[in-house]
Protein backbone atom coordinates (compact mmCIF):
# COMPACT_ATOMS: atom_id res chain seq x y z
CA MET A 1 -0.10 0.09 -0.05
CA ASP A 2 1.36 3.54 -0.81
CA GLY A 3 2.43 5.26 2.32
CA ASN A 4 0.81 8.49 1.05
CA THR A 5 -2.71 7.09 0.43
CA ASP A 6 -5.24 9.50 1.86
CA PHE A 7 -8.20 7.92 3.43
CA SER A 8 -9.83 11.22 4.69
CA GLY A 9 -13.40 11.58 3.76
CA ILE A 10 -13.83 7.80 3.20
CA SER A 11 -15.97 5.78 5.56
CA ASP A 12 -14.43 3.15 7.78
CA GLU A 13 -16.38 0.53 5.96
CA CYS A 14 -14.75 1.54 2.64
CA THR A 15 -11.31 1.84 4.17
CA ALA A 16 -11.66 -1.73 5.50
CA GLU A 17 -12.96 -3.02 2.17
CA TYR A 18 -9.94 -1.47 0.42
CA ILE A 19 -7.40 -2.94 2.89
CA LEU A 20 -8.98 -6.45 2.72
CA SER A 21 -8.91 -6.18 -1.14
CA ASN A 22 -5.42 -4.94 -1.58
CA VAL A 23 -3.07 -5.19 1.37
CA ALA A 24 -1.78 -8.73 1.48
CA GLU A 25 0.18 -8.39 4.65
CA VAL A 26 -2.93 -7.50 6.59
CA VAL A 27 -5.05 -10.34 5.05
CA GLU A 28 -2.43 -13.00 5.68
CA ARG A 29 -2.15 -11.90 9.25
CA ILE A 30 -5.96 -12.20 9.72
CA LEU A 31 -6.06 -15.50 7.92
CA THR A 32 -3.51 -17.07 10.49
CA PHE A 33 -6.36 -16.97 13.01
CA VAL A 34 -8.86 -18.91 10.77
CA PRO A 35 -9.33 -22.68 10.99
CA THR A 36 -8.27 -24.62 7.92
CA LYS A 37 -11.45 -25.63 6.69
CA SER A 38 -12.84 -22.07 6.70
CA LEU A 39 -9.48 -21.11 5.22
CA LEU A 40 -10.02 -23.19 2.25
CA GLN A 41 -13.39 -21.79 1.72
CA ILE A 42 -12.06 -18.15 2.06
CA ALA A 43 -9.46 -18.93 -0.59
CA CYS A 44 -12.30 -18.94 -3.19
CA VAL A 45 -13.28 -15.41 -2.62
CA CYS A 46 -10.56 -13.76 -4.82
CA ARG A 47 -6.91 -14.20 -6.10
CA LEU A 48 -5.36 -12.02 -3.23
CA TRP A 49 -7.06 -14.16 -0.64
CA MET A 50 -6.29 -17.33 -2.43
CA ASN A 51 -2.50 -16.46 -2.48
CA CYS A 52 -2.56 -15.46 1.15
CA ALA A 53 -4.36 -18.60 2.16
CA ARG A 54 -1.80 -20.80 0.35
CA ARG A 55 1.02 -18.91 2.17
CA VAL A 56 -0.68 -19.47 5.48
CA LEU A 57 -1.17 -23.15 4.81
CA ARG A 58 2.50 -23.66 3.91
CA VAL A 59 3.64 -22.42 7.30
CA GLN A 60 1.18 -24.26 9.31
CA GLN A 61 3.35 -27.19 9.80
CA LYS A 62 2.78 -27.98 13.45
CA LEU A 63 1.11 -31.31 14.08
CA THR A 64 -2.08 -31.55 16.12
CA TRP A 65 -4.33 -34.31 17.51
CA VAL A 66 -7.83 -35.09 18.78
CA SER A 67 -8.15 -37.59 21.62
CA ALA A 68 -11.22 -38.64 23.74
CA SER A 69 -12.19 -41.26 26.37
CA GLY A 70 -15.69 -42.51 27.33
CA PRO A 71 -18.13 -43.54 28.04
CA SER A 72 -19.61 -41.43 25.24
CA ASN A 73 -22.89 -39.74 25.71
CA TYR A 74 -23.68 -40.20 22.07
CA ASP A 75 -24.23 -43.17 19.75
CA GLY A 76 -20.84 -44.52 18.62
CA HIS A 77 -17.32 -44.16 19.97
CA ALA A 78 -16.18 -41.15 21.72
CA LEU A 79 -13.39 -40.38 19.45
CA CYS A 80 -15.59 -40.35 16.36
CA HIS A 81 -17.91 -37.75 17.90
CA SER A 82 -15.04 -35.66 19.03
CA LEU A 83 -13.40 -35.90 15.51
CA ALA A 84 -16.69 -34.76 13.91
CA GLU A 85 -16.70 -31.74 16.04
CA GLU A 86 -13.02 -30.66 16.53
CA VAL A 87 -11.64 -31.39 12.95
CA GLU A 88 -13.51 -28.36 11.79
CA ASN A 89 -11.42 -26.17 14.04
CA VAL A 90 -7.81 -27.48 13.40
CA TYR A 91 -5.14 -25.08 12.11
CA LEU A 92 -3.48 -27.36 9.70
CA LEU A 93 -4.28 -29.29 6.49
CA PRO A 94 -3.83 -32.96 7.41
CA LYS A 95 -1.87 -35.02 5.03
CA THR A 96 -1.50 -38.23 7.13
CA VAL A 97 -3.65 -39.29 10.09
CA LEU A 98 -2.87 -41.98 12.63
CA VAL A 99 -5.90 -43.30 14.45
CA MET A 100 -5.85 -45.69 17.46
CA VAL A 101 -8.93 -46.87 19.27
CA ASP A 102 -9.70 -49.51 21.99
CA SER A 103 -10.94 -52.79 20.35
CA GLU A 104 -13.30 -53.52 23.06
CA THR A 105 -15.77 -50.86 22.10
CA PHE A 106 -14.86 -50.17 18.53
CA SER A 107 -15.13 -52.35 15.42
CA GLY A 108 -13.95 -51.29 12.05
CA GLN A 109 -14.07 -54.20 9.70
CA ASP A 110 -17.76 -54.08 9.10
CA SER A 111 -18.48 -50.64 10.56
CA CYS A 112 -17.10 -47.75 12.66
CA TYR A 113 -19.16 -48.86 15.68
CA LYS A 114 -20.49 -52.01 17.38
CA GLN A 115 -23.80 -50.36 17.16
CA LYS A 116 -27.08 -51.51 15.46
CA LYS A 117 -27.90 -49.75 12.17
CA ALA A 118 -31.01 -48.21 13.85
CA ARG A 119 -28.71 -46.24 16.15
CA LYS A 120 -26.89 -44.23 13.48
CA THR A 121 -26.78 -40.50 13.82
CA HIS A 122 -25.60 -37.58 11.62
CA HIS A 123 -22.59 -36.90 13.79
CA SER A 124 -21.59 -40.57 14.36
CA PRO A 125 -20.04 -42.08 11.08
CA ASP A 126 -20.72 -45.82 11.23
CA SER A 127 -18.36 -46.81 8.25
CA VAL A 128 -14.68 -46.25 7.22
CA GLU A 129 -15.94 -44.26 4.22
CA GLU A 130 -17.71 -41.85 6.50
CA LEU A 131 -14.75 -41.51 8.81
CA ASN A 132 -12.67 -40.78 5.71
CA ARG A 133 -14.96 -37.93 4.72
CA LEU A 134 -14.04 -36.08 7.96
CA PHE A 135 -10.64 -35.51 6.41
CA PRO A 136 -9.65 -33.83 3.03
CA ASN A 137 -9.42 -35.90 -0.21
CA GLY A 138 -6.10 -37.42 -0.72
CA CYS A 139 -5.46 -37.62 3.06
CA ASP A 140 -3.79 -41.03 4.05
CA ILE A 141 -5.63 -42.50 7.15
CA MET A 142 -4.19 -45.26 9.07
CA ALA A 143 -6.82 -46.52 11.69
CA ILE A 144 -6.02 -49.26 14.17
CA ALA A 145 -7.85 -51.02 16.99
CA THR A 146 -5.91 -52.26 20.04
CA PRO A 147 -6.47 -53.73 23.43
CA GLY A 148 -5.55 -50.60 25.26
CA VAL A 149 -4.73 -46.93 24.43
CA VAL A 150 -2.23 -44.41 25.65
CA LEU A 151 -3.11 -40.83 24.91
CA THR A 152 -2.51 -37.16 25.76
CA PRO A 153 -5.71 -35.08 26.14
CA SER A 154 -6.50 -32.62 23.22
CA GLY A 155 -5.38 -29.24 23.31
CA SER A 156 -2.06 -29.28 25.44
CA HIS A 157 1.40 -30.65 24.75
CA SER A 158 2.02 -30.63 28.53
CA GLY A 159 -1.35 -32.31 29.54
CA PRO A 160 -0.86 -35.45 31.61
CA PRO A 161 -0.88 -38.58 29.47
CA LYS A 162 -3.26 -41.40 30.46
CA GLU A 163 -3.12 -45.17 30.11
CA PHE A 164 -6.49 -46.91 29.26
CA GLN A 165 -6.07 -50.65 29.67
CA GLU A 166 -9.87 -50.96 29.65
CA GLY A 167 -12.74 -48.80 28.63
CA GLU A 168 -13.48 -46.34 25.65
CA ALA A 169 -10.61 -44.25 24.44
CA GLY A 170 -8.83 -43.27 21.19
CA TYR A 171 -6.84 -40.58 19.52
CA ALA A 172 -6.09 -39.21 16.03
CA ILE A 173 -2.73 -37.52 15.33
CA MET A 174 -2.83 -35.28 12.32
CA PHE A 175 0.23 -34.75 10.29
CA PRO A 176 0.51 -31.87 7.80
CA ARG A 177 2.76 -31.70 4.79
CA MET A 178 6.14 -30.74 6.19
CA GLU A 179 9.09 -29.41 4.47
CA GLY A 180 11.91 -31.93 4.78
CA VAL A 181 9.74 -34.72 6.12
CA ASP A 182 8.17 -37.57 3.87
CA ILE A 183 5.53 -39.71 5.62
CA ARG A 184 4.62 -42.71 3.57
CA PRO A 185 1.87 -45.21 4.75
CA PHE A 186 2.32 -48.81 3.86
CA HIS A 187 0.25 -51.86 4.21
CA PHE A 188 1.56 -55.42 3.33
CA CYS A 189 0.09 -58.87 3.31
CA LYS A 190 1.44 -62.21 2.18
CA ARG A 191 0.23 -61.34 -1.34
CA THR A 192 1.73 -58.04 -1.59
CA ILE A 193 5.10 -58.34 0.04
CA SER A 194 7.97 -57.88 -2.26
CA GLU A 195 11.35 -56.10 -2.69
CA SER A 196 9.69 -53.68 -5.05
CA HIS A 197 6.86 -53.03 -2.87
CA LEU A 198 9.15 -52.40 0.16
CA GLU A 199 11.24 -50.02 -2.02
CA GLU A 200 7.96 -48.16 -3.05
CA ALA A 201 7.11 -47.63 0.65
CA GLY A 202 10.51 -46.26 1.21
CA LEU A 203 11.55 -49.22 3.65
CA VAL A 204 14.58 -50.34 1.58
CA ASN A 205 17.19 -48.58 -0.59
CA ASN A 206 16.19 -45.30 0.98
CA PRO A 207 19.17 -43.50 2.63
CA ASP A 208 16.85 -40.85 4.10
CA LEU A 209 14.72 -43.27 5.98
CA ARG A 210 14.78 -42.44 9.65
CA VAL A 211 11.84 -43.74 11.63
CA VAL A 212 9.43 -46.77 11.02
CA LEU A 213 6.20 -47.15 13.05
CA LEU A 214 5.24 -50.67 12.34
CA PHE A 215 2.09 -52.61 13.49
CA GLY A 216 1.32 -56.25 12.86
CA TYR A 217 -2.10 -57.85 12.88
CA GLU A 218 -3.29 -61.41 13.22
CA ALA A 219 0.17 -62.21 14.39
CA TYR A 220 -0.99 -65.50 16.09
CA LYS A 221 -1.74 -67.11 12.70
CA PRO A 222 0.54 -69.80 11.23
CA GLY A 223 3.18 -68.07 9.05
CA ALA A 224 2.70 -64.71 10.55
CA ASN A 225 6.02 -64.48 12.24
CA ARG A 226 7.99 -65.59 9.14
CA PHE A 227 6.06 -62.94 7.17
CA LEU A 228 6.85 -60.26 9.65
CA ASN A 229 10.56 -61.10 9.56
CA GLN A 230 10.52 -60.51 5.89
CA VAL A 231 9.77 -56.77 6.66
CA LEU A 232 12.04 -56.62 9.77
CA GLU A 233 15.12 -58.15 8.43
CA PRO A 234 15.99 -55.23 5.93
CA LEU A 235 14.94 -52.63 8.66
CA ALA A 236 17.19 -54.34 11.22
CA ARG A 237 20.25 -53.72 8.99
CA SER A 238 19.20 -50.08 8.28
CA LYS A 239 19.99 -47.14 10.37
CA ALA A 240 16.27 -46.32 11.02
CA LEU A 241 14.53 -46.37 14.22
CA ILE A 242 11.89 -49.14 14.34
CA ALA A 243 9.05 -48.97 16.95
CA GLY A 244 5.47 -50.53 17.19
CA GLY A 245 3.80 -53.80 18.10
CA HIS A 246 1.09 -56.28 17.46
CA VAL A 247 -2.47 -54.84 17.31
CA GLU A 248 -6.00 -56.32 17.31
CA ASN A 249 -7.24 -55.11 13.96
CA VAL A 250 -6.58 -52.64 11.10
CA PHE A 251 -9.58 -51.03 9.56
CA SER A 252 -8.03 -48.39 7.44
CA PRO A 253 -6.60 -48.62 4.81
CA GLU A 254 -8.99 -51.31 3.80
CA ARG A 255 -7.79 -54.75 2.79
CA GLU A 256 -8.14 -55.03 -0.94
CA CYS A 257 -5.95 -58.19 -1.50
CA CYS A 258 -6.47 -60.41 1.56
CA GLY A 259 -9.70 -61.42 3.29
CA ARG A 260 -10.66 -61.01 6.92
CA GLY A 261 -8.47 -63.10 9.21
CA SER A 262 -5.36 -62.70 7.07
CA TYR A 263 -2.30 -61.65 8.79
CA GLY A 264 -0.29 -58.48 7.64
CA VAL A 265 1.62 -55.39 8.57
CA VAL A 266 0.83 -51.74 8.32
CA GLY A 267 2.93 -48.65 9.33
CA LEU A 268 4.33 -45.23 8.59
CA ALA A 269 7.83 -44.67 7.04
CA LEU A 270 9.28 -41.32 7.98
CA SER A 271 12.10 -40.07 5.81
CA GLY A 272 14.01 -36.88 5.57
CA PRO A 273 17.09 -35.20 7.04
CA ARG A 274 14.99 -33.28 9.58
CA ILE A 275 13.66 -36.32 11.38
CA GLN A 276 15.30 -37.59 14.50
CA GLY A 277 14.35 -40.42 16.82
CA ALA A 278 15.31 -42.37 19.89
CA SER A 279 13.82 -45.31 21.72
CA VAL A 280 14.51 -47.37 24.82
CA LEU A 281 13.21 -50.85 25.88
CA LEU A 282 11.67 -51.28 29.36
CA GLU A 283 12.67 -55.01 29.79
CA GLN A 284 10.64 -57.64 31.75
CA ASP A 285 12.59 -56.85 34.90
CA VAL A 286 11.59 -53.14 34.93
CA SER A 287 8.61 -53.49 37.31
CA SER A 288 8.99 -50.40 39.64
CA PRO A 289 8.42 -46.86 39.19
CA LYS A 290 12.09 -46.12 39.98
CA ALA A 291 13.37 -48.67 37.46
CA ALA A 292 10.99 -47.31 34.83
CA GLU A 293 12.33 -43.64 35.41
CA ALA A 294 15.89 -44.90 35.18
CA THR A 295 15.20 -46.48 31.85
CA ILE A 296 13.14 -43.62 30.31
CA ARG A 297 15.70 -41.13 31.44
CA ARG A 298 18.11 -42.70 29.03
CA LEU A 299 16.17 -41.01 26.24
CA LYS A 300 17.58 -37.86 27.35
CA ALA A 301 20.94 -38.83 25.93
CA ALA A 302 19.56 -38.38 22.51
CA ASN A 303 19.27 -34.63 23.37
CA LEU A 304 16.23 -34.21 20.86
CA PRO A 305 14.40 -30.86 20.76
CA GLU A 306 11.16 -30.91 22.55
CA ARG A 307 9.40 -28.73 19.98
CA ASN A 308 7.60 -30.67 17.30
CA THR A 309 8.30 -33.87 19.01
CA LEU A 310 6.14 -36.91 19.85
CA GLY A 311 6.43 -39.55 22.34
CA PHE A 312 5.07 -43.17 21.60
CA MET A 313 4.58 -45.86 24.15
CA PHE A 314 4.06 -49.40 22.85
CA ALA A 315 3.40 -51.70 25.83
CA CYS A 316 2.44 -55.35 26.40
CA VAL A 317 -1.13 -55.96 27.68
CA GLY A 318 0.35 -57.77 30.64
CA ARG A 319 2.02 -54.66 31.88
CA GLY A 320 0.35 -51.41 33.12
CA HIS A 321 -1.03 -51.56 36.63
CA ASN A 322 -0.76 -55.41 36.52
CA TYR A 323 2.92 -55.12 36.38
CA TYR A 324 3.30 -52.29 39.05
CA ASN A 325 1.56 -53.81 42.00
CA ASN A 326 -1.78 -52.23 40.95
CA GLN A 327 -0.24 -48.82 40.65
CA ARG A 328 -1.91 -47.21 37.60
CA ASN A 329 -0.33 -44.86 34.97
CA VAL A 330 3.18 -45.51 36.15
CA GLU A 331 5.02 -45.39 32.86
CA ALA A 332 2.97 -42.42 31.34
CA ASP A 333 3.35 -40.52 34.45
CA THR A 334 7.18 -41.16 34.38
CA PHE A 335 7.43 -40.09 30.84
CA ARG A 336 5.68 -36.98 31.52
CA LYS A 337 8.10 -36.31 34.63
CA VAL A 338 11.04 -36.74 32.29
CA PHE A 339 9.47 -35.06 29.32
CA PRO A 340 6.90 -32.51 30.57
CA ASN A 341 6.35 -30.89 27.24
CA ILE A 342 6.21 -33.67 24.91
CA PRO A 343 2.75 -35.35 24.33
CA LEU A 344 2.63 -39.19 24.66
CA PHE A 345 0.62 -41.65 22.51
CA GLY A 346 0.54 -45.46 22.17
CA PHE A 347 -1.27 -48.57 23.04
CA PHE A 348 -1.24 -51.85 24.91
CA GLY A 349 -0.74 -54.65 22.52
CA ASN A 350 -0.07 -58.36 21.90
CA GLY A 351 3.69 -57.95 21.61
CA GLU A 352 6.19 -55.06 21.14
CA ILE A 353 8.62 -54.32 18.32
CA GLY A 354 11.73 -52.01 19.00
CA CYS A 355 15.08 -51.72 20.70
CA ASP A 356 17.47 -49.14 22.12
CA ARG A 357 18.24 -46.87 19.18
CA ILE A 358 19.26 -43.33 18.58
CA VAL A 359 18.93 -41.75 15.07
CA LYS A 360 20.37 -38.24 14.66
CA GLU A 361 21.52 -36.21 11.77
CA ASP A 362 25.17 -37.56 11.78
CA TYR A 363 25.07 -40.90 13.60
CA THR A 364 23.03 -43.93 14.56
CA LEU A 365 23.39 -46.11 17.76
CA CYS A 366 21.48 -49.33 17.45
CA ASP A 367 21.18 -53.04 17.61
CA THR A 368 21.17 -54.84 14.28
CA ASP A 369 19.83 -58.30 15.25
CA THR A 370 16.29 -59.02 13.96
CA ASP A 371 15.57 -61.15 16.92
CA SER A 372 16.25 -58.28 19.23
CA LEU A 373 13.36 -56.32 17.75
CA GLN A 374 10.36 -58.51 19.04
CA HIS A 375 9.52 -58.83 22.62
CA GLY A 376 6.86 -59.62 25.16
CA TYR A 377 6.02 -58.19 28.48
CA THR A 378 8.12 -55.07 27.72
CA THR A 379 7.46 -51.50 26.77
CA VAL A 380 9.11 -49.59 23.82
CA MET A 381 9.23 -45.90 24.66
CA THR A 382 10.03 -43.78 21.69
CA LEU A 383 10.66 -40.11 20.85
CA VAL A 384 10.22 -38.95 17.08
CA HIS A 385 11.23 -35.31 16.25
CA LEU A 386 9.83 -34.01 13.00
CA GLY A 387 12.23 -31.06 12.64
């Protein structure tokens, strides 16, 4: 805007109209306070607003999440209702979404809820397709059901994380498109596993691979362990951090090649020079709050920045309060004590995948034995920094 522009004699309404139609700096500043869904609608008003909206979206690279626990006062799972309300108000454009819900009250193979069709409501999606419609077209959604859930409440990085070994709980982590970070979802079954598919997913022949979050399902079936080793063997030889475990069910992405009851593996491959990670294994003999804290404090040695960092806790269903003399939330509380400003997410599952490993810009410290990656009655505690 010309510094000599004279607005004398012009009404305030006309002045505001001129500024909002011509001064990009003002428009862009205003749009930073607008949720993303409304921002996309605003971008259709004029070319100036479209360009300003695009610039705002490019800098909104801070991940966010929605979490919920029950029992819900509405038909359907508490997380689905919270998502229907809160996804309207997020300040990013999700590119990848990781959803975890408890398998006790949530079923995703046939429908989004264990509810009768007569109980459907407008705000309670009852199918994977309707869940997908909550997010933009082209958004990759990975949705998993597990025996228990670990989550941080919505809205605060420093909120106290909670362990839910029973009852209704779930979360959805929304990752925007981030500069220097490539997140690729993958889903393999015995019919689709091959060297070319592993390479396409970024799991092999990828020097930029830094972190792999990996989840197996139907792991008790004959042949499942041999199949999983086909994925783990090349990863064990890589310099990437591997963390995850065995879950109850995967309901997104949908299975197009194998039928219900088939075993497989899903996950996220995170590549890029900005990504860093670290993980420690709470072994079977770690059964007191003091021992848990001593192990989790080893993550401090990685010296990862707290900003834009997530914590993940993948624990055996046999741990939790059953392992700590009926003390609840021991490992989640200990994590918060050591890392008060990093949100924690995860699950209680049927086996854990991971090891002690640090992945930074210039070095990697790790085990390379495939057998050292699979465990029982342990917890894999992980930090992932996204730059």
